[in-house]
Amino acid sequence: MAVGPPGPRPGSGEPGTWVEATVRTDGTASGAGGCRATDGAVGVLAVPRTQARDGSVGVAMLVVAADAGGGPGDAVPRSALTDLAASAVRPD
């Protein structure tokens, strides 16, 4: 696994931090041969919450993942992860 450096939230100027990781497997883990992705991408968006409904202060997180190579079908473009994170609505 390779984890990239933290960066600003994709899309808007709203507060938040974005981190992406690339994961790789040899594809031989359980499952039928040729049916598993060998490469994946994981993105984590962390957005500060000033106050949750219960009064606590913390961070709201969105985790997105996609097959990036191997297995059947086409790989999901990395931009799909950041597009999803950019469309996230800040929690109340």
N, C-alpha and C. Protein backbone atom coordinates (compact mmCIF):
# COMPACT_ATOMS: atom_id res chain seq x y z
N MET A 1 0.85 -1.16 0.00
CA MET A 1 0.00 0.00 0.00
C MET A 1 0.90 1.23 0.00
N ALA A 2 0.48 2.22 -0.76
CA ALA A 2 1.18 3.50 -0.80
C ALA A 2 0.18 4.60 -0.47
N VAL A 3 0.49 5.39 0.53
CA VAL A 3 -0.40 6.47 0.97
C VAL A 3 0.19 7.80 0.53
N GLY A 4 -0.63 8.60 -0.13
CA GLY A 4 -0.18 9.90 -0.59
C GLY A 4 -0.22 10.92 0.53
N PRO A 5 0.34 12.08 0.27
CA PRO A 5 0.34 13.15 1.30
C PRO A 5 -1.05 13.75 1.44
N PRO A 6 -1.39 14.26 2.62
CA PRO A 6 -2.67 14.93 2.77
C PRO A 6 -2.71 16.21 1.96
N GLY A 7 -3.88 16.51 1.44
CA GLY A 7 -4.05 17.73 0.65
C GLY A 7 -5.39 18.36 0.95
N PRO A 8 -5.69 19.46 0.29
CA PRO A 8 -6.97 20.13 0.53
C PRO A 8 -8.14 19.32 -0.01
N ARG A 9 -9.31 19.60 0.51
CA ARG A 9 -10.54 18.95 0.05
C ARG A 9 -10.71 19.21 -1.44
N PRO A 10 -11.03 18.18 -2.23
CA PRO A 10 -11.22 18.39 -3.66
C PRO A 10 -12.43 19.28 -3.95
N GLY A 11 -12.33 20.03 -5.01
CA GLY A 11 -13.48 20.77 -5.50
C GLY A 11 -13.61 22.18 -5.01
N SER A 12 -14.04 22.34 -3.80
CA SER A 12 -14.38 23.67 -3.31
C SER A 12 -13.34 24.18 -2.33
N GLY A 13 -13.55 25.40 -1.90
CA GLY A 13 -12.67 25.98 -0.91
C GLY A 13 -13.10 25.68 0.52
N GLU A 14 -14.07 24.76 0.67
CA GLU A 14 -14.53 24.42 2.02
C GLU A 14 -13.44 23.70 2.79
N PRO A 15 -13.48 23.77 4.12
CA PRO A 15 -12.46 23.10 4.91
C PRO A 15 -12.54 21.59 4.75
N GLY A 16 -11.40 20.96 4.88
CA GLY A 16 -11.34 19.51 4.80
C GLY A 16 -9.98 19.07 4.32
N THR A 17 -9.67 17.81 4.58
CA THR A 17 -8.40 17.22 4.15
C THR A 17 -8.69 15.94 3.38
N TRP A 18 -7.96 15.73 2.28
CA TRP A 18 -8.13 14.58 1.40
C TRP A 18 -6.83 13.78 1.36
N VAL A 19 -6.95 12.47 1.51
CA VAL A 19 -5.79 11.57 1.42
C VAL A 19 -6.19 10.39 0.54
N GLU A 20 -5.31 10.00 -0.38
CA GLU A 20 -5.54 8.83 -1.23
C GLU A 20 -4.47 7.79 -0.97
N ALA A 21 -4.88 6.53 -1.10
CA ALA A 21 -3.95 5.42 -0.99
C ALA A 21 -4.19 4.48 -2.16
N THR A 22 -3.13 3.85 -2.60
CA THR A 22 -3.20 2.82 -3.63
C THR A 22 -2.87 1.48 -2.98
N VAL A 23 -3.70 0.50 -3.24
CA VAL A 23 -3.47 -0.83 -2.69
C VAL A 23 -3.33 -1.82 -3.82
N ARG A 24 -2.51 -2.82 -3.59
CA ARG A 24 -2.25 -3.84 -4.63
C ARG A 24 -2.23 -5.21 -3.99
N THR A 25 -2.80 -6.18 -4.69
CA THR A 25 -2.77 -7.56 -4.26
C THR A 25 -2.35 -8.42 -5.45
N ASP A 26 -1.94 -9.62 -5.19
CA ASP A 26 -1.56 -10.49 -6.31
C ASP A 26 -2.77 -11.15 -6.96
N GLY A 27 -3.95 -10.92 -6.41
CA GLY A 27 -5.17 -11.44 -7.02
C GLY A 27 -5.45 -12.89 -6.71
N THR A 28 -4.64 -13.51 -5.86
CA THR A 28 -4.84 -14.94 -5.58
C THR A 28 -5.60 -15.20 -4.29
N ALA A 29 -6.01 -14.14 -3.60
CA ALA A 29 -6.80 -14.33 -2.39
C ALA A 29 -8.10 -15.02 -2.77
N SER A 30 -8.88 -15.43 -1.79
CA SER A 30 -10.08 -16.22 -2.05
C SER A 30 -10.92 -15.64 -3.17
N GLY A 31 -11.52 -16.52 -3.94
CA GLY A 31 -12.35 -16.11 -5.07
C GLY A 31 -11.86 -16.77 -6.34
N ALA A 32 -12.67 -16.75 -7.35
CA ALA A 32 -12.32 -17.37 -8.63
C ALA A 32 -11.23 -16.56 -9.33
N GLY A 33 -10.32 -17.24 -9.94
CA GLY A 33 -9.23 -16.59 -10.66
C GLY A 33 -9.75 -15.63 -11.72
N GLY A 34 -9.15 -14.47 -11.84
CA GLY A 34 -9.52 -13.48 -12.84
C GLY A 34 -10.74 -12.65 -12.46
N CYS A 35 -11.34 -12.93 -11.31
CA CYS A 35 -12.55 -12.20 -10.91
C CYS A 35 -12.28 -11.16 -9.83
N ARG A 36 -11.04 -10.98 -9.48
CA ARG A 36 -10.72 -10.03 -8.42
C ARG A 36 -9.86 -8.91 -8.97
N ALA A 37 -10.12 -7.72 -8.52
CA ALA A 37 -9.26 -6.60 -8.89
C ALA A 37 -7.91 -6.79 -8.20
N THR A 38 -6.86 -6.40 -8.87
CA THR A 38 -5.53 -6.49 -8.28
C THR A 38 -5.05 -5.14 -7.77
N ASP A 39 -5.64 -4.06 -8.25
CA ASP A 39 -5.27 -2.71 -7.82
C ASP A 39 -6.53 -1.99 -7.35
N GLY A 40 -6.37 -1.21 -6.30
CA GLY A 40 -7.49 -0.44 -5.79
C GLY A 40 -7.05 0.93 -5.35
N ALA A 41 -7.99 1.82 -5.28
CA ALA A 41 -7.74 3.18 -4.80
C ALA A 41 -8.71 3.46 -3.67
N VAL A 42 -8.21 4.06 -2.61
CA VAL A 42 -9.03 4.42 -1.46
C VAL A 42 -8.78 5.89 -1.17
N GLY A 43 -9.84 6.62 -0.96
CA GLY A 43 -9.73 8.03 -0.60
C GLY A 43 -10.48 8.30 0.69
N VAL A 44 -9.92 9.17 1.50
CA VAL A 44 -10.55 9.56 2.76
C VAL A 44 -10.65 11.08 2.81
N LEU A 45 -11.87 11.57 3.02
CA LEU A 45 -12.11 12.99 3.20
C LEU A 45 -12.46 13.21 4.67
N ALA A 46 -11.73 14.09 5.33
CA ALA A 46 -12.00 14.44 6.73
C ALA A 46 -12.41 15.91 6.78
N VAL A 47 -13.59 16.16 7.34
CA VAL A 47 -14.15 17.51 7.41
C VAL A 47 -14.40 17.85 8.87
N PRO A 48 -13.87 18.99 9.32
CA PRO A 48 -14.11 19.36 10.72
C PRO A 48 -15.58 19.65 10.97
N ARG A 49 -16.05 19.20 12.10
CA ARG A 49 -17.42 19.53 12.55
C ARG A 49 -17.27 20.45 13.74
N THR A 50 -17.96 21.54 13.69
CA THR A 50 -17.87 22.46 14.82
C THR A 50 -18.66 21.93 16.00
N GLN A 51 -19.79 21.30 15.71
CA GLN A 51 -20.56 20.72 16.80
C GLN A 51 -21.53 19.69 16.23
N ALA A 52 -21.47 18.47 16.74
CA ALA A 52 -22.38 17.42 16.34
C ALA A 52 -23.70 17.58 17.08
N ARG A 53 -24.68 16.81 16.69
CA ARG A 53 -26.00 16.91 17.33
C ARG A 53 -25.96 16.64 18.82
N ASP A 54 -25.03 15.79 19.24
CA ASP A 54 -24.95 15.49 20.68
C ASP A 54 -24.10 16.50 21.44
N GLY A 55 -23.63 17.54 20.76
CA GLY A 55 -22.84 18.58 21.41
C GLY A 55 -21.34 18.37 21.33
N SER A 56 -20.91 17.20 20.85
CA SER A 56 -19.47 16.94 20.77
C SER A 56 -18.86 17.65 19.56
N VAL A 57 -17.57 17.82 19.59
CA VAL A 57 -16.81 18.43 18.50
C VAL A 57 -15.90 17.35 17.93
N GLY A 58 -15.76 17.30 16.61
CA GLY A 58 -14.92 16.25 16.04
C GLY A 58 -14.78 16.40 14.54
N VAL A 59 -14.69 15.25 13.86
CA VAL A 59 -14.44 15.20 12.42
C VAL A 59 -15.45 14.26 11.78
N ALA A 60 -16.03 14.68 10.66
CA ALA A 60 -16.86 13.79 9.84
C ALA A 60 -15.96 13.23 8.75
N MET A 61 -16.11 11.93 8.46
CA MET A 61 -15.24 11.30 7.47
C MET A 61 -16.06 10.61 6.40
N LEU A 62 -15.57 10.68 5.16
CA LEU A 62 -16.13 9.97 4.03
C LEU A 62 -15.02 9.10 3.46
N VAL A 63 -15.28 7.80 3.34
CA VAL A 63 -14.30 6.87 2.77
C VAL A 63 -14.87 6.34 1.46
N VAL A 64 -14.11 6.47 0.38
CA VAL A 64 -14.52 5.97 -0.93
C VAL A 64 -13.44 5.03 -1.45
N ALA A 65 -13.87 4.00 -2.19
CA ALA A 65 -12.92 3.02 -2.72
C ALA A 65 -13.38 2.58 -4.10
N ALA A 66 -12.43 2.18 -4.93
CA ALA A 66 -12.76 1.73 -6.28
C ALA A 66 -11.70 0.78 -6.80
N ASP A 67 -12.14 -0.15 -7.65
CA ASP A 67 -11.19 -1.01 -8.36
C ASP A 67 -10.43 -0.14 -9.35
N ALA A 68 -9.11 -0.28 -9.35
CA ALA A 68 -8.28 0.53 -10.23
C ALA A 68 -7.59 -0.30 -11.31
N GLY A 69 -7.69 -1.63 -11.24
CA GLY A 69 -7.07 -2.47 -12.25
C GLY A 69 -7.25 -3.93 -11.93
N GLY A 70 -7.16 -4.76 -12.97
CA GLY A 70 -7.33 -6.20 -12.80
C GLY A 70 -8.80 -6.56 -12.70
N GLY A 71 -9.07 -7.83 -12.70
CA GLY A 71 -10.45 -8.29 -12.59
C GLY A 71 -11.24 -7.98 -13.85
N PRO A 72 -12.52 -8.33 -13.83
CA PRO A 72 -13.36 -8.09 -15.01
C PRO A 72 -13.79 -6.63 -15.08
N GLY A 73 -14.18 -6.20 -16.25
CA GLY A 73 -14.69 -4.84 -16.41
C GLY A 73 -13.60 -3.80 -16.46
N ASP A 74 -14.03 -2.57 -16.65
CA ASP A 74 -13.09 -1.46 -16.74
C ASP A 74 -12.78 -0.91 -15.36
N ALA A 75 -11.56 -0.44 -15.21
CA ALA A 75 -11.16 0.20 -13.95
C ALA A 75 -11.90 1.53 -13.81
N VAL A 76 -12.15 1.92 -12.57
CA VAL A 76 -12.78 3.19 -12.29
C VAL A 76 -11.69 4.27 -12.32
N PRO A 77 -11.91 5.37 -13.05
CA PRO A 77 -10.87 6.41 -13.07
C PRO A 77 -10.69 7.03 -11.69
N ARG A 78 -9.46 7.38 -11.37
CA ARG A 78 -9.17 7.99 -10.06
C ARG A 78 -9.97 9.26 -9.85
N SER A 79 -10.27 9.95 -10.93
CA SER A 79 -11.04 11.19 -10.81
C SER A 79 -12.43 10.93 -10.23
N ALA A 80 -12.94 9.71 -10.35
CA ALA A 80 -14.25 9.39 -9.78
C ALA A 80 -14.22 9.52 -8.26
N LEU A 81 -13.10 9.18 -7.64
CA LEU A 81 -12.98 9.30 -6.19
C LEU A 81 -13.03 10.77 -5.77
N THR A 82 -12.25 11.60 -6.44
CA THR A 82 -12.22 13.01 -6.06
C THR A 82 -13.52 13.71 -6.43
N ASP A 83 -14.16 13.29 -7.54
CA ASP A 83 -15.45 13.87 -7.90
C ASP A 83 -16.49 13.57 -6.82
N LEU A 84 -16.47 12.35 -6.31
CA LEU A 84 -17.40 11.99 -5.24
C LEU A 84 -17.13 12.80 -3.98
N ALA A 85 -15.87 12.93 -3.62
CA ALA A 85 -15.51 13.71 -2.43
C ALA A 85 -15.89 15.19 -2.61
N ALA A 86 -15.72 15.71 -3.82
CA ALA A 86 -16.05 17.11 -4.07
C ALA A 86 -17.55 17.35 -3.98
N SER A 87 -18.36 16.32 -4.24
CA SER A 87 -19.81 16.48 -4.21
C SER A 87 -20.40 16.27 -2.81
N ALA A 88 -19.57 15.85 -1.86
CA ALA A 88 -20.07 15.58 -0.51
C ALA A 88 -20.59 16.86 0.12
N VAL A 89 -21.71 16.72 0.81
CA VAL A 89 -22.32 17.86 1.50
C VAL A 89 -21.86 17.84 2.95
N ARG A 90 -21.44 18.99 3.42
CA ARG A 90 -20.98 19.10 4.80
C ARG A 90 -22.10 18.71 5.77
N PRO A 91 -21.78 17.89 6.77
CA PRO A 91 -22.83 17.47 7.70
C PRO A 91 -23.31 18.62 8.57
N ASP A 92 -24.54 18.50 9.02
CA ASP A 92 -25.11 19.51 9.93
C ASP A 92 -24.49 19.40 11.29
